[in-house]
Amino acid sequence: MKAYAEKPGALARLFRTLVFGLIAFVLFQLISLDLSWPNQLILGCASILIGLIVNRLSPSRVTTIALMLVSITATLRYGWWRVHVLVQYFSDPSNDRGVFNAFLLLMLISAEAYTVVIMILGYMQTAWPLHRKPMPMPADVSSWPHVDLLIPTYNEPLSLVRYTALAALNIDYPQEKLHVYILDDGTRKDFEEFAKISGVGYIVREQHTHAKASRHNKLT
């Protein structure tokens, strides 16, 4: 009975692998397919239409991944065309390939490649989120932990940080257990005065090295 129960699972995994392989093959063909601009316009409109339809079908995880695949396919298709055009440009001896022009072209495609990588990494982080249930706090408020809320700032204006600090002070949490600190890497006198008036902690570093001030490991 146990072996019989495991068999459908193995078949289901095999089926999913085949389906994903087929989808990857079709998407690669769409990415590398050479189309005229009218056909490209049709493909682009069809991709938008498919995305809108899929988005309205269901809010499930499968729908989210499908929309990500449509987006990645469209983006990689542009990247495929962009690299192809660039290779043609540098391969054609009739083009004026000056050093400055080549530098600008390579800078542009590097920026576009960076954007594509960041987009794909963002999709990887959000494609399969963990749905953790929030843990209830103990009924005894006195057993709740102390919370340090850090507001790092360097060159932000006081008008911005003021509202952030005041909003932090009004968080729905026992006030005796909530500690708000402004971490001022700009070492500004008006920030220190505001912190004293509003009852917010104020911390500056002797040396402003490495990352922003939020990397404090210990507050005193």
N, C-alpha and C. Protein backbone atom coordinates (compact mmCIF):
# COMPACT_ATOMS: atom_id res chain seq x y z
N MET A 1 0.83 -1.20 0.00
CA MET A 1 0.00 0.00 0.00
C MET A 1 0.87 1.25 0.00
N LYS A 2 1.97 1.20 0.75
CA LYS A 2 2.87 2.34 0.81
C LYS A 2 3.53 2.59 -0.54
N ALA A 3 3.98 1.50 -1.22
CA ALA A 3 4.60 1.66 -2.53
C ALA A 3 3.61 2.21 -3.53
N TYR A 4 2.35 1.80 -3.42
CA TYR A 4 1.32 2.29 -4.33
C TYR A 4 1.09 3.79 -4.12
N ALA A 5 1.20 4.24 -2.85
CA ALA A 5 0.97 5.66 -2.56
C ALA A 5 2.12 6.52 -3.06
N GLU A 6 3.33 5.95 -3.09
CA GLU A 6 4.48 6.73 -3.54
C GLU A 6 4.54 6.84 -5.05
N LYS A 7 3.95 5.89 -5.77
CA LYS A 7 4.05 5.88 -7.24
C LYS A 7 3.44 7.11 -7.89
N PRO A 8 2.21 7.54 -7.51
CA PRO A 8 1.66 8.76 -8.11
C PRO A 8 2.51 9.99 -7.86
N GLY A 9 3.16 10.07 -6.69
CA GLY A 9 4.03 11.20 -6.41
C GLY A 9 5.19 11.26 -7.38
N ALA A 10 5.81 10.11 -7.66
CA ALA A 10 6.92 10.07 -8.60
C ALA A 10 6.44 10.42 -10.01
N LEU A 11 5.28 9.91 -10.39
CA LEU A 11 4.74 10.25 -11.70
C LEU A 11 4.40 11.72 -11.81
N ALA A 12 3.87 12.27 -10.72
CA ALA A 12 3.54 13.70 -10.73
C ALA A 12 4.80 14.56 -10.89
N ARG A 13 5.88 14.16 -10.20
CA ARG A 13 7.14 14.90 -10.34
C ARG A 13 7.70 14.79 -11.75
N LEU A 14 7.59 13.60 -12.34
CA LEU A 14 8.05 13.42 -13.71
C LEU A 14 7.23 14.26 -14.67
N PHE A 15 5.91 14.29 -14.45
CA PHE A 15 5.04 15.08 -15.31
C PHE A 15 5.36 16.56 -15.20
N ARG A 16 5.58 17.05 -13.98
CA ARG A 16 5.92 18.46 -13.80
C ARG A 16 7.25 18.79 -14.47
N THR A 17 8.22 17.86 -14.38
CA THR A 17 9.51 18.09 -15.01
C THR A 17 9.38 18.20 -16.52
N LEU A 18 8.57 17.33 -17.10
CA LEU A 18 8.35 17.38 -18.55
C LEU A 18 7.64 18.66 -18.96
N VAL A 19 6.65 19.05 -18.17
CA VAL A 19 5.91 20.28 -18.48
C VAL A 19 6.83 21.49 -18.39
N PHE A 20 7.64 21.58 -17.33
CA PHE A 20 8.56 22.69 -17.18
C PHE A 20 9.60 22.70 -18.30
N GLY A 21 10.06 21.51 -18.70
CA GLY A 21 11.00 21.44 -19.82
C GLY A 21 10.39 21.94 -21.11
N LEU A 22 9.13 21.55 -21.36
CA LEU A 22 8.43 22.01 -22.57
C LEU A 22 8.23 23.52 -22.53
N ILE A 23 7.84 24.04 -21.36
CA ILE A 23 7.64 25.48 -21.23
C ILE A 23 8.95 26.23 -21.45
N ALA A 24 10.05 25.72 -20.88
CA ALA A 24 11.35 26.36 -21.06
C ALA A 24 11.75 26.36 -22.53
N PHE A 25 11.48 25.26 -23.26
CA PHE A 25 11.82 25.19 -24.68
C PHE A 25 11.01 26.22 -25.48
N VAL A 26 9.70 26.31 -25.18
CA VAL A 26 8.84 27.25 -25.90
C VAL A 26 9.27 28.69 -25.61
N LEU A 27 9.57 28.98 -24.35
CA LEU A 27 9.98 30.34 -23.98
C LEU A 27 11.31 30.70 -24.65
N PHE A 28 12.23 29.73 -24.74
CA PHE A 28 13.50 30.01 -25.41
C PHE A 28 13.28 30.32 -26.88
N GLN A 29 12.36 29.60 -27.50
CA GLN A 29 12.05 29.88 -28.90
C GLN A 29 11.47 31.28 -29.06
N LEU A 30 10.61 31.69 -28.12
CA LEU A 30 10.04 33.04 -28.18
C LEU A 30 11.12 34.09 -27.97
N ILE A 31 12.08 33.78 -27.11
CA ILE A 31 13.14 34.75 -26.83
C ILE A 31 14.02 34.97 -28.06
N SER A 32 14.37 33.91 -28.76
CA SER A 32 15.34 33.99 -29.85
C SER A 32 14.70 34.10 -31.23
N LEU A 33 13.36 34.11 -31.30
CA LEU A 33 12.68 34.15 -32.60
C LEU A 33 12.86 35.52 -33.25
N ASP A 34 13.27 35.52 -34.52
CA ASP A 34 13.47 36.76 -35.27
C ASP A 34 12.14 37.16 -35.92
N LEU A 35 11.60 38.31 -35.54
CA LEU A 35 10.30 38.77 -36.03
C LEU A 35 10.42 40.17 -36.61
N SER A 36 9.57 40.44 -37.59
CA SER A 36 9.46 41.81 -38.10
C SER A 36 8.73 42.65 -37.06
N TRP A 37 8.81 43.99 -37.22
CA TRP A 37 8.22 44.83 -36.18
C TRP A 37 6.70 44.68 -36.08
N PRO A 38 5.94 44.41 -37.18
CA PRO A 38 4.50 44.17 -36.97
C PRO A 38 4.23 42.90 -36.16
N ASN A 39 4.99 41.83 -36.46
CA ASN A 39 4.83 40.60 -35.68
C ASN A 39 5.29 40.78 -34.24
N GLN A 40 6.34 41.58 -34.07
CA GLN A 40 6.80 41.88 -32.71
C GLN A 40 5.73 42.64 -31.94
N LEU A 41 5.05 43.57 -32.61
CA LEU A 41 3.96 44.31 -31.97
C LEU A 41 2.83 43.38 -31.56
N ILE A 42 2.52 42.42 -32.42
CA ILE A 42 1.46 41.45 -32.10
C ILE A 42 1.87 40.60 -30.90
N LEU A 43 3.13 40.15 -30.89
CA LEU A 43 3.62 39.34 -29.78
C LEU A 43 3.59 40.13 -28.48
N GLY A 44 3.99 41.40 -28.53
CA GLY A 44 3.99 42.22 -27.33
C GLY A 44 2.58 42.43 -26.79
N CYS A 45 1.63 42.73 -27.69
CA CYS A 45 0.23 42.91 -27.26
C CYS A 45 -0.34 41.60 -26.71
N ALA A 46 0.03 40.49 -27.35
CA ALA A 46 -0.45 39.20 -26.87
C ALA A 46 0.11 38.88 -25.48
N SER A 47 1.36 39.24 -25.24
CA SER A 47 1.97 39.00 -23.93
C SER A 47 1.25 39.81 -22.85
N ILE A 48 0.95 41.08 -23.16
CA ILE A 48 0.23 41.92 -22.20
C ILE A 48 -1.16 41.36 -21.94
N LEU A 49 -1.83 40.93 -23.01
CA LEU A 49 -3.18 40.38 -22.87
C LEU A 49 -3.17 39.09 -22.04
N ILE A 50 -2.20 38.23 -22.31
CA ILE A 50 -2.08 36.98 -21.54
C ILE A 50 -1.82 37.28 -20.07
N GLY A 51 -0.95 38.26 -19.82
CA GLY A 51 -0.67 38.64 -18.44
C GLY A 51 -1.90 39.14 -17.71
N LEU A 52 -2.70 39.97 -18.38
CA LEU A 52 -3.93 40.49 -17.76
C LEU A 52 -4.93 39.38 -17.50
N ILE A 53 -5.05 38.45 -18.45
CA ILE A 53 -6.00 37.35 -18.28
C ILE A 53 -5.57 36.43 -17.15
N VAL A 54 -4.29 36.05 -17.15
CA VAL A 54 -3.78 35.16 -16.11
C VAL A 54 -3.90 35.80 -14.73
N ASN A 55 -3.66 37.12 -14.66
CA ASN A 55 -3.74 37.83 -13.39
C ASN A 55 -5.15 37.80 -12.81
N ARG A 56 -6.16 37.75 -13.68
CA ARG A 56 -7.55 37.74 -13.21
C ARG A 56 -8.08 36.33 -12.95
N LEU A 57 -7.36 35.32 -13.39
CA LEU A 57 -7.84 33.96 -13.21
C LEU A 57 -7.80 33.53 -11.75
N SER A 58 -6.65 33.76 -11.12
CA SER A 58 -6.50 33.27 -9.75
C SER A 58 -5.32 33.97 -9.10
N PRO A 59 -5.41 34.24 -7.79
CA PRO A 59 -4.27 34.82 -7.07
C PRO A 59 -3.30 33.78 -6.54
N SER A 60 -3.32 32.57 -7.11
CA SER A 60 -2.51 31.48 -6.59
C SER A 60 -1.04 31.69 -6.92
N ARG A 61 -0.22 30.84 -6.33
CA ARG A 61 1.23 30.90 -6.56
C ARG A 61 1.58 30.54 -7.99
N VAL A 62 0.82 29.61 -8.59
CA VAL A 62 1.07 29.23 -9.99
C VAL A 62 0.85 30.43 -10.90
N THR A 63 -0.19 31.22 -10.63
CA THR A 63 -0.46 32.42 -11.42
C THR A 63 0.69 33.42 -11.30
N THR A 64 1.18 33.60 -10.09
CA THR A 64 2.30 34.52 -9.87
C THR A 64 3.53 34.10 -10.66
N ILE A 65 3.85 32.80 -10.62
CA ILE A 65 5.02 32.30 -11.35
C ILE A 65 4.81 32.44 -12.86
N ALA A 66 3.57 32.21 -13.32
CA ALA A 66 3.29 32.36 -14.75
C ALA A 66 3.51 33.80 -15.20
N LEU A 67 3.06 34.77 -14.40
CA LEU A 67 3.27 36.18 -14.74
C LEU A 67 4.76 36.53 -14.72
N MET A 68 5.50 35.96 -13.78
CA MET A 68 6.94 36.19 -13.75
C MET A 68 7.61 35.65 -15.00
N LEU A 69 7.17 34.46 -15.46
CA LEU A 69 7.74 33.87 -16.67
C LEU A 69 7.45 34.73 -17.89
N VAL A 70 6.23 35.28 -17.98
CA VAL A 70 5.90 36.17 -19.10
C VAL A 70 6.79 37.41 -19.07
N SER A 71 6.97 37.98 -17.89
CA SER A 71 7.81 39.16 -17.76
C SER A 71 9.28 38.86 -18.10
N ILE A 72 9.80 37.75 -17.60
CA ILE A 72 11.19 37.39 -17.88
C ILE A 72 11.38 37.10 -19.35
N THR A 73 10.41 36.44 -19.97
CA THR A 73 10.50 36.14 -21.41
C THR A 73 10.57 37.42 -22.23
N ALA A 74 9.68 38.37 -21.93
CA ALA A 74 9.69 39.63 -22.67
C ALA A 74 10.99 40.39 -22.46
N THR A 75 11.50 40.37 -21.23
CA THR A 75 12.74 41.09 -20.93
C THR A 75 13.94 40.44 -21.61
N LEU A 76 14.02 39.11 -21.54
CA LEU A 76 15.14 38.41 -22.18
C LEU A 76 15.05 38.49 -23.70
N ARG A 77 13.86 38.60 -24.25
CA ARG A 77 13.73 38.78 -25.69
C ARG A 77 14.32 40.11 -26.11
N TYR A 78 14.04 41.15 -25.32
CA TYR A 78 14.67 42.45 -25.60
C TYR A 78 16.19 42.35 -25.46
N GLY A 79 16.65 41.64 -24.41
CA GLY A 79 18.09 41.50 -24.23
C GLY A 79 18.75 40.74 -25.37
N TRP A 80 18.07 39.70 -25.85
CA TRP A 80 18.59 38.95 -27.01
C TRP A 80 18.73 39.85 -28.23
N TRP A 81 17.69 40.64 -28.49
CA TRP A 81 17.73 41.57 -29.63
C TRP A 81 18.82 42.62 -29.42
N ARG A 82 18.95 43.11 -28.20
CA ARG A 82 19.91 44.18 -27.92
C ARG A 82 21.33 43.69 -28.15
N VAL A 83 21.66 42.52 -27.68
CA VAL A 83 23.00 41.96 -27.86
C VAL A 83 23.25 41.67 -29.34
N HIS A 84 22.22 41.16 -30.04
CA HIS A 84 22.37 40.86 -31.47
C HIS A 84 22.67 42.13 -32.26
N VAL A 85 21.96 43.21 -31.96
CA VAL A 85 22.20 44.48 -32.65
C VAL A 85 23.60 45.01 -32.35
N LEU A 86 24.03 44.86 -31.10
CA LEU A 86 25.35 45.35 -30.72
C LEU A 86 26.45 44.57 -31.43
N VAL A 87 26.28 43.25 -31.52
CA VAL A 87 27.28 42.44 -32.22
C VAL A 87 27.33 42.82 -33.70
N GLN A 88 26.17 43.04 -34.31
CA GLN A 88 26.13 43.47 -35.70
C GLN A 88 26.84 44.82 -35.89
N TYR A 89 26.63 45.70 -34.93
CA TYR A 89 27.25 47.03 -35.03
C TYR A 89 28.77 46.94 -35.02
N PHE A 90 29.31 46.14 -34.09
CA PHE A 90 30.76 46.03 -34.00
C PHE A 90 31.34 45.15 -35.10
N SER A 91 30.52 44.30 -35.72
CA SER A 91 31.01 43.42 -36.79
C SER A 91 31.03 44.12 -38.14
N ASP A 92 30.26 45.17 -38.29
CA ASP A 92 30.18 45.87 -39.57
C ASP A 92 31.33 46.87 -39.68
N PRO A 93 32.26 46.67 -40.61
CA PRO A 93 33.41 47.59 -40.72
C PRO A 93 33.01 48.98 -41.23
N SER A 94 31.82 49.13 -41.79
CA SER A 94 31.41 50.43 -42.30
C SER A 94 30.96 51.38 -41.18
N ASN A 95 30.72 50.87 -39.99
CA ASN A 95 30.30 51.72 -38.88
C ASN A 95 31.49 52.45 -38.28
N ASP A 96 31.23 53.66 -37.83
CA ASP A 96 32.27 54.45 -37.19
C ASP A 96 32.37 54.03 -35.72
N ARG A 97 33.26 53.09 -35.43
CA ARG A 97 33.37 52.55 -34.09
C ARG A 97 34.46 53.29 -33.32
N GLY A 98 34.14 54.51 -32.92
CA GLY A 98 35.08 55.27 -32.12
C GLY A 98 35.13 54.74 -30.70
N VAL A 99 36.19 55.07 -30.00
CA VAL A 99 36.36 54.60 -28.62
C VAL A 99 35.25 55.15 -27.73
N PHE A 100 34.91 56.41 -27.92
CA PHE A 100 33.88 57.02 -27.08
C PHE A 100 32.52 56.37 -27.33
N ASN A 101 32.18 56.15 -28.62
CA ASN A 101 30.91 55.49 -28.93
C ASN A 101 30.85 54.07 -28.37
N ALA A 102 31.95 53.35 -28.52
CA ALA A 102 31.99 51.99 -28.00
C ALA A 102 31.84 51.98 -26.48
N PHE A 103 32.47 52.95 -25.83
CA PHE A 103 32.37 53.03 -24.37
C PHE A 103 30.93 53.29 -23.93
N LEU A 104 30.25 54.20 -24.61
CA LEU A 104 28.87 54.50 -24.26
C LEU A 104 27.95 53.31 -24.50
N LEU A 105 28.17 52.60 -25.62
CA LEU A 105 27.34 51.44 -25.92
C LEU A 105 27.53 50.33 -24.88
N LEU A 106 28.78 50.10 -24.51
CA LEU A 106 29.05 49.05 -23.52
C LEU A 106 28.53 49.45 -22.14
N MET A 107 28.61 50.73 -21.81
CA MET A 107 28.04 51.19 -20.54
C MET A 107 26.53 50.99 -20.51
N LEU A 108 25.88 51.29 -21.63
CA LEU A 108 24.43 51.14 -21.70
C LEU A 108 24.00 49.69 -21.55
N ILE A 109 24.66 48.79 -22.29
CA ILE A 109 24.26 47.39 -22.21
C ILE A 109 24.63 46.79 -20.85
N SER A 110 25.68 47.31 -20.21
CA SER A 110 26.02 46.84 -18.86
C SER A 110 24.93 47.25 -17.87
N ALA A 111 24.46 48.48 -17.99
CA ALA A 111 23.38 48.94 -17.12
C ALA A 111 22.11 48.13 -17.34
N GLU A 112 21.81 47.82 -18.60
CA GLU A 112 20.62 47.02 -18.89
C GLU A 112 20.77 45.60 -18.36
N ALA A 113 21.96 45.02 -18.50
CA ALA A 113 22.20 43.67 -17.96
C ALA A 113 22.06 43.66 -16.45
N TYR A 114 22.57 44.69 -15.80
CA TYR A 114 22.43 44.79 -14.34
C TYR A 114 20.96 44.86 -13.94
N THR A 115 20.17 45.62 -14.69
CA THR A 115 18.75 45.74 -14.39
C THR A 115 18.04 44.39 -14.53
N VAL A 116 18.39 43.65 -15.58
CA VAL A 116 17.77 42.34 -15.80
C VAL A 116 18.13 41.38 -14.66
N VAL A 117 19.39 41.38 -14.24
CA VAL A 117 19.82 40.49 -13.16
C VAL A 117 19.08 40.83 -11.87
N ILE A 118 18.97 42.13 -11.56
CA ILE A 118 18.27 42.55 -10.34
C ILE A 118 16.81 42.14 -10.40
N MET A 119 16.19 42.26 -11.58
CA MET A 119 14.79 41.86 -11.72
C MET A 119 14.62 40.36 -11.47
N ILE A 120 15.48 39.55 -12.06
CA ILE A 120 15.37 38.10 -11.89
C ILE A 120 15.63 37.70 -10.45
N LEU A 121 16.62 38.32 -9.81
CA LEU A 121 16.89 38.02 -8.40
C LEU A 121 15.70 38.42 -7.52
N GLY A 122 15.06 39.53 -7.86
CA GLY A 122 13.86 39.93 -7.12
C GLY A 122 12.74 38.94 -7.28
N TYR A 123 12.58 38.42 -8.50
CA TYR A 123 11.56 37.38 -8.72
C TYR A 123 11.88 36.12 -7.93
N MET A 124 13.15 35.76 -7.87
CA MET A 124 13.54 34.56 -7.12
C MET A 124 13.23 34.71 -5.64
N GLN A 125 13.35 35.93 -5.12
CA GLN A 125 13.09 36.15 -3.70
C GLN A 125 11.60 36.12 -3.38
N THR A 126 10.77 36.50 -4.34
CA THR A 126 9.33 36.63 -4.07
C THR A 126 8.49 35.53 -4.71
N ALA A 127 9.10 34.64 -5.49
CA ALA A 127 8.31 33.63 -6.21
C ALA A 127 7.70 32.61 -5.28
N TRP A 128 8.40 32.28 -4.19
CA TRP A 128 7.95 31.22 -3.31
C TRP A 128 8.05 31.68 -1.86
N PRO A 129 7.22 32.65 -1.47
CA PRO A 129 7.33 33.18 -0.10
C PRO A 129 6.86 32.18 0.94
N LEU A 130 7.41 32.31 2.12
CA LEU A 130 7.01 31.47 3.24
C LEU A 130 5.82 32.13 3.95
N HIS A 131 4.74 31.38 4.10
CA HIS A 131 3.55 31.91 4.75
C HIS A 131 3.58 31.49 6.22
N ARG A 132 4.29 32.27 7.00
CA ARG A 132 4.39 31.98 8.43
C ARG A 132 3.21 32.63 9.16
N LYS A 133 2.61 31.88 10.05
CA LYS A 133 1.54 32.42 10.86
C LYS A 133 2.13 33.25 11.99
N PRO A 134 1.59 34.44 12.23
CA PRO A 134 2.11 35.26 13.33
C PRO A 134 1.89 34.60 14.68
N MET A 135 2.90 34.65 15.50
CA MET A 135 2.81 34.08 16.84
C MET A 135 2.18 35.09 17.79
N PRO A 136 1.18 34.70 18.54
CA PRO A 136 0.54 35.64 19.47
C PRO A 136 1.48 36.00 20.62
N MET A 137 1.39 37.25 21.05
CA MET A 137 2.18 37.68 22.20
C MET A 137 1.58 37.13 23.49
N PRO A 138 2.38 36.96 24.52
CA PRO A 138 1.84 36.47 25.79
C PRO A 138 0.78 37.42 26.34
N ALA A 139 -0.15 36.87 27.06
CA ALA A 139 -1.21 37.71 27.64
C ALA A 139 -0.66 38.67 28.68
N ASP A 140 0.41 38.27 29.36
CA ASP A 140 1.03 39.11 30.37
C ASP A 140 1.95 40.13 29.69
N VAL A 141 1.55 41.39 29.69
CA VAL A 141 2.32 42.44 29.00
C VAL A 141 3.69 42.61 29.62
N SER A 142 3.82 42.35 30.91
CA SER A 142 5.11 42.52 31.58
C SER A 142 6.18 41.56 31.07
N SER A 143 5.77 40.48 30.41
CA SER A 143 6.73 39.51 29.88
C SER A 143 7.13 39.83 28.44
N TRP A 144 6.56 40.89 27.86
CA TRP A 144 6.94 41.26 26.49
C TRP A 144 8.38 41.76 26.46
N PRO A 145 9.11 41.53 25.38
CA PRO A 145 10.51 41.96 25.32
C PRO A 145 10.63 43.46 25.07
N HIS A 146 11.79 44.00 25.45
CA HIS A 146 12.11 45.38 25.10
C HIS A 146 12.48 45.44 23.62
N VAL A 147 12.09 46.51 22.96
CA VAL A 147 12.34 46.66 21.52
C VAL A 147 13.10 47.96 21.29
N ASP A 148 14.23 47.88 20.59
CA ASP A 148 14.99 49.05 20.18
C ASP A 148 14.66 49.35 18.73
N LEU A 149 14.16 50.55 18.47
CA LEU A 149 13.82 50.96 17.11
C LEU A 149 14.84 51.99 16.67
N LEU A 150 15.63 51.65 15.66
CA LEU A 150 16.74 52.48 15.20
C LEU A 150 16.36 53.24 13.94
N ILE A 151 16.65 54.54 13.93
CA ILE A 151 16.37 55.39 12.77
C ILE A 151 17.70 55.93 12.27
N PRO A 152 18.36 55.25 11.32
CA PRO A 152 19.64 55.75 10.81
C PRO A 152 19.43 56.92 9.86
N THR A 153 20.30 57.90 9.94
CA THR A 153 20.21 59.07 9.05
C THR A 153 21.61 59.61 8.80
N TYR A 154 21.79 60.16 7.63
CA TYR A 154 23.08 60.77 7.28
C TYR A 154 22.87 62.20 6.76
N ASN A 155 22.14 62.32 5.64
CA ASN A 155 21.92 63.65 5.09
C ASN A 155 20.44 63.95 4.87
N GLU A 156 19.55 63.13 5.47
CA GLU A 156 18.13 63.41 5.36
C GLU A 156 17.79 64.65 6.18
N PRO A 157 16.83 65.45 5.73
CA PRO A 157 16.46 66.66 6.49
C PRO A 157 15.71 66.31 7.77
N LEU A 158 15.77 67.21 8.73
CA LEU A 158 15.09 66.99 10.00
C LEU A 158 13.58 66.90 9.81
N SER A 159 13.05 67.61 8.83
CA SER A 159 11.60 67.57 8.58
C SER A 159 11.14 66.15 8.24
N LEU A 160 12.00 65.36 7.63
CA LEU A 160 11.66 63.97 7.31
C LEU A 160 11.85 63.06 8.51
N VAL A 161 12.98 63.19 9.18
CA VAL A 161 13.28 62.31 10.31
C VAL A 161 12.35 62.60 11.48
N ARG A 162 11.92 63.86 11.63
CA ARG A 162 11.02 64.21 12.74
C ARG A 162 9.74 63.38 12.69
N TYR A 163 9.10 63.34 11.52
CA TYR A 163 7.86 62.57 11.40
C TYR A 163 8.10 61.08 11.62
N THR A 164 9.24 60.59 11.17
CA THR A 164 9.56 59.18 11.37
C THR A 164 9.71 58.86 12.86
N ALA A 165 10.42 59.73 13.58
CA ALA A 165 10.63 59.50 15.01
C ALA A 165 9.33 59.61 15.79
N LEU A 166 8.52 60.61 15.47
CA LEU A 166 7.25 60.77 16.19
C LEU A 166 6.30 59.62 15.90
N ALA A 167 6.31 59.13 14.66
CA ALA A 167 5.48 57.97 14.33
C ALA A 167 5.96 56.74 15.09
N ALA A 168 7.28 56.59 15.24
CA ALA A 168 7.82 55.46 15.98
C ALA A 168 7.41 55.51 17.44
N LEU A 169 7.36 56.71 18.02
CA LEU A 169 6.97 56.84 19.42
C LEU A 169 5.51 56.47 19.64
N ASN A 170 4.70 56.53 18.61
CA ASN A 170 3.27 56.25 18.73
C ASN A 170 2.92 54.83 18.30
N ILE A 171 3.91 53.96 18.16
CA ILE A 171 3.63 52.56 17.85
C ILE A 171 2.87 51.93 19.01
N ASP A 172 1.91 51.08 18.68
CA ASP A 172 1.09 50.43 19.69
C ASP A 172 1.90 49.34 20.39
N TYR A 173 2.65 49.77 21.39
CA TYR A 173 3.51 48.87 22.16
C TYR A 173 3.74 49.54 23.51
N PRO A 174 3.91 48.77 24.58
CA PRO A 174 4.15 49.38 25.89
C PRO A 174 5.30 50.39 25.84
N GLN A 175 5.03 51.62 26.19
CA GLN A 175 6.01 52.69 26.04
C GLN A 175 7.26 52.45 26.86
N GLU A 176 7.13 51.79 28.01
CA GLU A 176 8.31 51.54 28.84
C GLU A 176 9.21 50.47 28.23
N LYS A 177 8.73 49.75 27.24
CA LYS A 177 9.51 48.71 26.58
C LYS A 177 9.92 49.09 25.15
N LEU A 178 9.51 50.27 24.71
CA LEU A 178 9.84 50.74 23.37
C LEU A 178 10.90 51.83 23.47
N HIS A 179 12.03 51.64 22.81
CA HIS A 179 13.15 52.58 22.87
C HIS A 179 13.50 53.01 21.45
N VAL A 180 13.29 54.28 21.16
CA VAL A 180 13.53 54.83 19.83
C VAL A 180 14.84 55.62 19.85
N TYR A 181 15.69 55.35 18.88
CA TYR A 181 16.98 56.02 18.79
C TYR A 181 17.17 56.60 17.39
N ILE A 182 17.69 57.82 17.35
CA ILE A 182 18.14 58.41 16.08
C ILE A 182 19.64 58.18 15.99
N LEU A 183 20.07 57.49 14.95
CA LEU A 183 21.50 57.23 14.72
C LEU A 183 21.98 58.22 13.66
N ASP A 184 22.58 59.30 14.12
CA ASP A 184 22.89 60.43 13.24
C ASP A 184 24.35 60.37 12.80
N ASP A 185 24.57 59.94 11.59
CA ASP A 185 25.92 59.96 11.03
C ASP A 185 26.29 61.34 10.50
N GLY A 186 25.34 62.27 10.52
CA GLY A 186 25.64 63.64 10.11
C GLY A 186 26.08 64.52 11.26
N THR A 187 25.92 64.03 12.50
CA THR A 187 26.32 64.75 13.71
C THR A 187 25.81 66.19 13.65
N ARG A 188 24.50 66.34 13.63
CA ARG A 188 23.88 67.66 13.49
C ARG A 188 23.25 68.09 14.81
N LYS A 189 23.49 69.36 15.16
CA LYS A 189 23.04 69.88 16.44
C LYS A 189 21.52 69.94 16.52
N ASP A 190 20.85 70.31 15.43
CA ASP A 190 19.39 70.41 15.48
C ASP A 190 18.74 69.04 15.68
N PHE A 191 19.38 67.99 15.19
CA PHE A 191 18.87 66.64 15.42
C PHE A 191 18.99 66.27 16.91
N GLU A 192 20.11 66.63 17.50
CA GLU A 192 20.31 66.32 18.92
C GLU A 192 19.30 67.08 19.78
N GLU A 193 19.04 68.33 19.46
CA GLU A 193 18.07 69.11 20.22
C GLU A 193 16.67 68.54 20.07
N PHE A 194 16.31 68.14 18.86
CA PHE A 194 14.99 67.54 18.65
C PHE A 194 14.85 66.25 19.45
N ALA A 195 15.91 65.44 19.49
CA ALA A 195 15.85 64.17 20.22
C ALA A 195 15.63 64.42 21.71
N LYS A 196 16.30 65.43 22.26
CA LYS A 196 16.11 65.73 23.68
C LYS A 196 14.69 66.20 23.97
N ILE A 197 14.15 67.05 23.10
CA ILE A 197 12.81 67.58 23.33
C ILE A 197 11.75 66.49 23.22
N SER A 198 11.91 65.61 22.23
CA SER A 198 10.88 64.59 21.98
C SER A 198 11.05 63.33 22.80
N GLY A 199 12.15 63.21 23.55
CA GLY A 199 12.37 62.02 24.35
C GLY A 199 12.88 60.84 23.56
N VAL A 200 13.57 61.11 22.46
CA VAL A 200 14.15 60.06 21.62
C VAL A 200 15.63 59.97 21.90
N GLY A 201 16.17 58.76 21.89
CA GLY A 201 17.60 58.59 22.07
C GLY A 201 18.37 59.13 20.88
N TYR A 202 19.57 59.62 21.14
CA TYR A 202 20.40 60.20 20.08
C TYR A 202 21.80 59.63 20.21
N ILE A 203 22.28 59.01 19.12
CA ILE A 203 23.60 58.35 19.14
C ILE A 203 24.38 58.78 17.90
N VAL A 204 25.63 59.15 18.11
CA VAL A 204 26.56 59.44 17.02
C VAL A 204 27.79 58.56 17.18
N ARG A 205 28.48 58.36 16.09
CA ARG A 205 29.69 57.55 16.12
C ARG A 205 30.92 58.45 16.06
N GLU A 206 31.98 58.02 16.69
CA GLU A 206 33.23 58.77 16.62
C GLU A 206 33.81 58.72 15.21
N GLN A 207 33.71 57.58 14.58
CA GLN A 207 34.21 57.42 13.22
C GLN A 207 33.07 56.95 12.32
N HIS A 208 32.85 57.63 11.23
CA HIS A 208 31.76 57.31 10.31
C HIS A 208 32.30 56.40 9.20
N THR A 209 32.65 55.18 9.58
CA THR A 209 33.24 54.25 8.62
C THR A 209 32.25 53.14 8.27
N HIS A 210 32.57 52.45 7.21
CA HIS A 210 31.80 51.29 6.73
C HIS A 210 30.37 51.71 6.36
N ALA A 211 29.40 50.92 6.77
CA ALA A 211 28.03 51.16 6.32
C ALA A 211 27.38 52.24 7.17
N LYS A 212 26.05 52.38 6.96
CA LYS A 212 25.31 53.42 7.64
C LYS A 212 25.24 53.12 9.14
N ALA A 213 24.73 54.09 9.89
CA ALA A 213 24.79 54.00 11.35
C ALA A 213 23.95 52.87 11.93
N SER A 214 23.10 52.23 11.16
CA SER A 214 22.26 51.17 11.69
C SER A 214 23.04 49.91 12.03
N ARG A 215 24.33 49.90 11.75
CA ARG A 215 25.14 48.72 12.06
C ARG A 215 25.65 48.74 13.50
N HIS A 216 25.04 49.55 14.35
CA HIS A 216 25.37 49.50 15.77
C HIS A 216 25.02 48.14 16.32
N ASN A 217 25.94 47.54 17.05
CA ASN A 217 25.69 46.23 17.67
C ASN A 217 25.20 46.37 19.10
N LYS A 218 25.47 47.49 19.71
CA LYS A 218 25.09 47.66 21.10
C LYS A 218 24.74 49.10 21.35
N LEU A 219 23.64 49.33 22.01
CA LEU A 219 23.21 50.68 22.36
C LEU A 219 23.40 50.87 23.85
N THR A 220 23.93 52.02 24.24
CA THR A 220 24.16 52.29 25.65
C THR A 220 23.42 53.55 26.04
